[in-house]
C-alpha cells in the first residue's frame, strides 16, 4: 500500500535577504498575511490521517493556524549549520569565503562544524521512508523550505547538488506518493 505525503513549506519569518541559518524566529507580519491569503487552499490538508511539523516556531505556527494540530518531528528539523547558525549566507561568505565554497561544492563537507548536506538529505529521506503506510492514506507535514528541498532530492534520487537548484517558496506544497525507497512526485491537484 502506498502513502501520500504532502509537504507544506512554512510561512515566512523574515525577509528573504535576512534569512539566517537555523532561524528560529516566529512568523513575521508578511508571513501571517500570506498565510491568510493561501489558507483556503491549504486548510483542506488538515483532513490528513497524520499531521506533522518541523520543531521550529514558524512551522508550528503555520500548522496550528491552518488547523493541522501537528505533532512536532525532531527528524524534520532544519540542517544543523554549526557555528554558522544565526548568520546570513552573505555574512558567512564575507568572513569565510573558502569555507562557503567548499560547502557548496561538496555535499560531504561541513566546514561550519554542523551537518553535511548529504547527511541532511539522508536524515530527511529516513523520515520519509519510515512513514506508516498501512491504513494511512494521507500525511501532511509543515517544514522549513530546506527540509522540503531535501525531501525532493531524496525522493527523486537526484544528485545532492540538485538541492541548490530547487526553489521552495513559503506556503508552497509538494506531494510525494509511494512506499519507502520508491517515491513519485505528484504535480497539481490530481484528486
Foldseek 3Di string as FASTA:
>chain_A
DKAKEKEWEFFDQDDPQQDFAQDQGARDPVRVVVLVVCLVVVLVLLPFPAEAEAPGRRRCVSCVVSVNNHHHDPLQHAFWLAQRGPPDPVVCCVVPVVLVVCLLPDQCDRSNPTHRLVVNLVSLLVVVQPDDDPVGHYYYYYGHQLSVLSPVCQQVVHPSNCSVVDDDHHRDMWMWMDHRPHIDTDDDPPD
